[in-house]
Amino acid sequence: MNVMLIAIYVIFAVAALLTLWRIVIGPSILDRAVASDVLLTEVMCVLGAEMAINHHTRTLPVLLIIAAVGVFGSISIARFVARRDQER
């Protein structure tokens, strides 16, 4: 395994653990939503780095699906919070 890939995995694993910590202790739903977007972005970066290092594009459809899930999830949470704020 490539040394650069191991370093990337370690750095992103630490970042993912910190992001998961924010998801668990986030005081509001918006903090958790932002942290989940960051986690999806970290996963996309790891997959993109792996693709660049190994010179392939096999995981490109996975990247597109993760990006779509992130966008639709953010929109859904924003609409939920907006409705909740209007009810108050």
N, C-alpha and C. Protein backbone atom coordinates (compact mmCIF):
# COMPACT_ATOMS: atom_id res chain seq x y z
N MET A 1 0.85 -1.18 0.00
CA MET A 1 0.00 0.00 0.00
C MET A 1 0.90 1.24 0.00
N ASN A 2 0.47 2.22 -0.68
CA ASN A 2 1.24 3.44 -0.83
C ASN A 2 1.30 4.21 0.50
N VAL A 3 2.47 4.76 0.82
CA VAL A 3 2.65 5.51 2.06
C VAL A 3 1.77 6.75 2.07
N MET A 4 1.63 7.41 0.93
CA MET A 4 0.80 8.60 0.84
C MET A 4 -0.66 8.26 1.13
N LEU A 5 -1.12 7.14 0.63
CA LEU A 5 -2.50 6.73 0.87
C LEU A 5 -2.73 6.42 2.35
N ILE A 6 -1.77 5.82 3.01
CA ILE A 6 -1.90 5.55 4.44
C ILE A 6 -1.97 6.87 5.22
N ALA A 7 -1.13 7.82 4.86
CA ALA A 7 -1.16 9.13 5.53
C ALA A 7 -2.50 9.82 5.32
N ILE A 8 -3.03 9.74 4.12
CA ILE A 8 -4.34 10.35 3.84
C ILE A 8 -5.42 9.67 4.67
N TYR A 9 -5.38 8.35 4.74
CA TYR A 9 -6.38 7.63 5.53
C TYR A 9 -6.32 8.01 7.01
N VAL A 10 -5.12 8.15 7.55
CA VAL A 10 -4.96 8.50 8.96
C VAL A 10 -5.49 9.90 9.23
N ILE A 11 -5.13 10.85 8.38
CA ILE A 11 -5.58 12.24 8.57
C ILE A 11 -7.09 12.33 8.47
N PHE A 12 -7.66 11.69 7.47
CA PHE A 12 -9.11 11.75 7.33
C PHE A 12 -9.84 10.94 8.40
N ALA A 13 -9.22 9.91 8.93
CA ALA A 13 -9.84 9.16 10.02
C ALA A 13 -9.94 10.02 11.27
N VAL A 14 -8.88 10.77 11.57
CA VAL A 14 -8.93 11.68 12.71
C VAL A 14 -10.00 12.75 12.49
N ALA A 15 -10.05 13.30 11.28
CA ALA A 15 -11.07 14.32 10.98
C ALA A 15 -12.47 13.73 11.09
N ALA A 16 -12.65 12.49 10.64
CA ALA A 16 -13.96 11.85 10.72
C ALA A 16 -14.37 11.61 12.17
N LEU A 17 -13.42 11.22 13.01
CA LEU A 17 -13.74 11.02 14.42
C LEU A 17 -14.15 12.32 15.09
N LEU A 18 -13.44 13.40 14.78
CA LEU A 18 -13.82 14.70 15.33
C LEU A 18 -15.20 15.14 14.82
N THR A 19 -15.48 14.85 13.57
CA THR A 19 -16.79 15.19 13.01
C THR A 19 -17.89 14.36 13.66
N LEU A 20 -17.63 13.09 13.87
CA LEU A 20 -18.62 12.25 14.55
C LEU A 20 -18.86 12.74 15.98
N TRP A 21 -17.82 13.21 16.62
CA TRP A 21 -17.98 13.78 17.96
C TRP A 21 -18.93 14.98 17.91
N ARG A 22 -18.80 15.82 16.90
CA ARG A 22 -19.69 16.99 16.76
C ARG A 22 -21.12 16.54 16.48
N ILE A 23 -21.28 15.47 15.73
CA ILE A 23 -22.63 14.97 15.47
C ILE A 23 -23.27 14.48 16.77
N VAL A 24 -22.49 13.83 17.61
CA VAL A 24 -23.03 13.28 18.85
C VAL A 24 -23.35 14.38 19.86
N ILE A 25 -22.45 15.35 20.04
CA ILE A 25 -22.67 16.34 21.09
C ILE A 25 -23.24 17.66 20.58
N GLY A 26 -23.49 17.75 19.27
CA GLY A 26 -23.99 19.02 18.72
C GLY A 26 -25.20 19.52 19.47
N PRO A 27 -25.16 20.77 19.93
CA PRO A 27 -26.28 21.26 20.73
C PRO A 27 -27.56 21.49 19.91
N SER A 28 -27.45 21.67 18.63
CA SER A 28 -28.67 21.90 17.84
C SER A 28 -28.67 21.00 16.61
N ILE A 29 -29.82 20.93 15.97
CA ILE A 29 -29.94 20.11 14.77
C ILE A 29 -29.12 20.68 13.63
N LEU A 30 -28.96 22.00 13.60
CA LEU A 30 -28.16 22.60 12.54
C LEU A 30 -26.68 22.27 12.69
N ASP A 31 -26.18 22.19 13.93
CA ASP A 31 -24.80 21.76 14.15
C ASP A 31 -24.59 20.34 13.66
N ARG A 32 -25.55 19.48 13.94
CA ARG A 32 -25.45 18.10 13.49
C ARG A 32 -25.54 18.00 11.98
N ALA A 33 -26.37 18.84 11.37
CA ALA A 33 -26.51 18.83 9.91
C ALA A 33 -25.22 19.27 9.23
N VAL A 34 -24.60 20.31 9.75
CA VAL A 34 -23.34 20.78 9.18
C VAL A 34 -22.26 19.71 9.37
N ALA A 35 -22.23 19.08 10.52
CA ALA A 35 -21.24 18.03 10.76
C ALA A 35 -21.46 16.83 9.84
N SER A 36 -22.70 16.49 9.57
CA SER A 36 -22.94 15.37 8.64
C SER A 36 -22.53 15.74 7.23
N ASP A 37 -22.72 17.00 6.83
CA ASP A 37 -22.22 17.44 5.52
C ASP A 37 -20.71 17.38 5.46
N VAL A 38 -20.06 17.76 6.53
CA VAL A 38 -18.59 17.69 6.59
C VAL A 38 -18.14 16.23 6.49
N LEU A 39 -18.84 15.34 7.16
CA LEU A 39 -18.47 13.92 7.11
C LEU A 39 -18.62 13.37 5.69
N LEU A 40 -19.69 13.73 5.01
CA LEU A 40 -19.87 13.30 3.62
C LEU A 40 -18.77 13.86 2.74
N THR A 41 -18.39 15.10 2.98
CA THR A 41 -17.31 15.72 2.21
C THR A 41 -15.99 15.01 2.46
N GLU A 42 -15.74 14.62 3.70
CA GLU A 42 -14.52 13.89 4.02
C GLU A 42 -14.49 12.54 3.30
N VAL A 43 -15.60 11.86 3.26
CA VAL A 43 -15.67 10.58 2.56
C VAL A 43 -15.40 10.79 1.07
N MET A 44 -15.98 11.84 0.51
CA MET A 44 -15.75 12.14 -0.90
C MET A 44 -14.28 12.46 -1.17
N CYS A 45 -13.64 13.17 -0.26
CA CYS A 45 -12.22 13.51 -0.44
C CYS A 45 -11.35 12.27 -0.37
N VAL A 46 -11.66 11.35 0.53
CA VAL A 46 -10.89 10.11 0.62
C VAL A 46 -11.04 9.30 -0.67
N LEU A 47 -12.27 9.19 -1.15
CA LEU A 47 -12.49 8.44 -2.39
C LEU A 47 -11.80 9.11 -3.57
N GLY A 48 -11.86 10.44 -3.62
CA GLY A 48 -11.19 11.17 -4.69
C GLY A 48 -9.68 11.02 -4.64
N ALA A 49 -9.11 11.07 -3.44
CA ALA A 49 -7.67 10.88 -3.30
C ALA A 49 -7.26 9.46 -3.70
N GLU A 50 -8.06 8.50 -3.31
CA GLU A 50 -7.77 7.12 -3.68
C GLU A 50 -7.84 6.95 -5.20
N MET A 51 -8.81 7.58 -5.83
CA MET A 51 -8.91 7.51 -7.29
C MET A 51 -7.70 8.16 -7.95
N ALA A 52 -7.27 9.30 -7.44
CA ALA A 52 -6.13 10.00 -8.04
C ALA A 52 -4.83 9.21 -7.86
N ILE A 53 -4.64 8.62 -6.68
CA ILE A 53 -3.41 7.88 -6.42
C ILE A 53 -3.34 6.59 -7.23
N ASN A 54 -4.45 5.89 -7.35
CA ASN A 54 -4.47 4.61 -8.06
C ASN A 54 -4.83 4.74 -9.54
N HIS A 55 -5.06 5.94 -10.02
CA HIS A 55 -5.31 6.22 -11.44
C HIS A 55 -6.49 5.43 -12.00
N HIS A 56 -7.63 5.57 -11.38
CA HIS A 56 -8.84 4.94 -11.91
C HIS A 56 -10.04 5.84 -11.64
N THR A 57 -11.16 5.53 -12.26
CA THR A 57 -12.39 6.30 -12.05
C THR A 57 -13.57 5.39 -11.72
N ARG A 58 -13.29 4.23 -11.18
CA ARG A 58 -14.36 3.27 -10.88
C ARG A 58 -15.31 3.75 -9.80
N THR A 59 -14.85 4.58 -8.88
CA THR A 59 -15.70 5.02 -7.78
C THR A 59 -16.36 6.37 -8.05
N LEU A 60 -16.27 6.85 -9.27
CA LEU A 60 -16.91 8.12 -9.61
C LEU A 60 -18.42 8.09 -9.42
N PRO A 61 -19.14 7.02 -9.80
CA PRO A 61 -20.58 6.99 -9.52
C PRO A 61 -20.90 7.07 -8.03
N VAL A 62 -20.05 6.48 -7.20
CA VAL A 62 -20.25 6.54 -5.75
C VAL A 62 -20.11 7.99 -5.28
N LEU A 63 -19.13 8.71 -5.82
CA LEU A 63 -18.96 10.12 -5.46
C LEU A 63 -20.19 10.94 -5.84
N LEU A 64 -20.74 10.67 -6.99
CA LEU A 64 -21.94 11.41 -7.43
C LEU A 64 -23.13 11.11 -6.53
N ILE A 65 -23.29 9.87 -6.13
CA ILE A 65 -24.40 9.51 -5.24
C ILE A 65 -24.22 10.16 -3.87
N ILE A 66 -23.01 10.15 -3.34
CA ILE A 66 -22.76 10.78 -2.04
C ILE A 66 -23.04 12.28 -2.11
N ALA A 67 -22.63 12.91 -3.20
CA ALA A 67 -22.89 14.35 -3.36
C ALA A 67 -24.39 14.63 -3.42
N ALA A 68 -25.14 13.80 -4.14
CA ALA A 68 -26.59 14.00 -4.23
C ALA A 68 -27.26 13.80 -2.88
N VAL A 69 -26.84 12.78 -2.14
CA VAL A 69 -27.40 12.55 -0.81
C VAL A 69 -27.12 13.74 0.10
N GLY A 70 -25.92 14.28 0.02
CA GLY A 70 -25.58 15.45 0.83
C GLY A 70 -26.42 16.66 0.51
N VAL A 71 -26.61 16.93 -0.76
CA VAL A 71 -27.42 18.09 -1.16
C VAL A 71 -28.86 17.91 -0.74
N PHE A 72 -29.44 16.75 -1.04
CA PHE A 72 -30.84 16.53 -0.70
C PHE A 72 -31.06 16.48 0.81
N GLY A 73 -30.10 15.95 1.53
CA GLY A 73 -30.19 15.94 2.99
C GLY A 73 -30.15 17.34 3.57
N SER A 74 -29.27 18.17 3.05
CA SER A 74 -29.19 19.56 3.53
C SER A 74 -30.47 20.33 3.24
N ILE A 75 -31.01 20.12 2.06
CA ILE A 75 -32.27 20.79 1.70
C ILE A 75 -33.40 20.33 2.61
N SER A 76 -33.47 19.04 2.88
CA SER A 76 -34.53 18.51 3.74
C SER A 76 -34.43 19.06 5.16
N ILE A 77 -33.22 19.12 5.69
CA ILE A 77 -33.04 19.64 7.04
C ILE A 77 -33.37 21.13 7.09
N ALA A 78 -32.97 21.88 6.07
CA ALA A 78 -33.27 23.31 6.04
C ALA A 78 -34.78 23.54 5.98
N ARG A 79 -35.48 22.75 5.21
CA ARG A 79 -36.95 22.90 5.14
C ARG A 79 -37.60 22.52 6.46
N PHE A 80 -37.10 21.48 7.12
CA PHE A 80 -37.64 21.06 8.41
C PHE A 80 -37.45 22.17 9.45
N VAL A 81 -36.26 22.75 9.50
CA VAL A 81 -35.99 23.80 10.48
C VAL A 81 -36.81 25.04 10.17
N ALA A 82 -36.97 25.36 8.90
CA ALA A 82 -37.77 26.53 8.52
C ALA A 82 -39.23 26.35 8.94
N ARG A 83 -39.78 25.17 8.74
CA ARG A 83 -41.17 24.91 9.16
C ARG A 83 -41.31 24.98 10.67
N ARG A 84 -40.34 24.44 11.38
CA ARG A 84 -40.38 24.46 12.83
C ARG A 84 -40.31 25.87 13.36
N ASP A 85 -39.49 26.71 12.74
CA ASP A 85 -39.38 28.11 13.17
C ASP A 85 -40.65 28.90 12.87
N GLN A 86 -41.34 28.57 11.79
CA GLN A 86 -42.59 29.26 11.46
C GLN A 86 -43.69 28.90 12.45
N GLU A 87 -43.68 27.69 12.95
CA GLU A 87 -44.71 27.25 13.89
C GLU A 87 -44.56 27.96 15.24
N ARG A 88 -43.38 28.39 15.57
CA ARG A 88 -43.16 29.07 16.85
C ARG A 88 -43.59 30.45 16.74
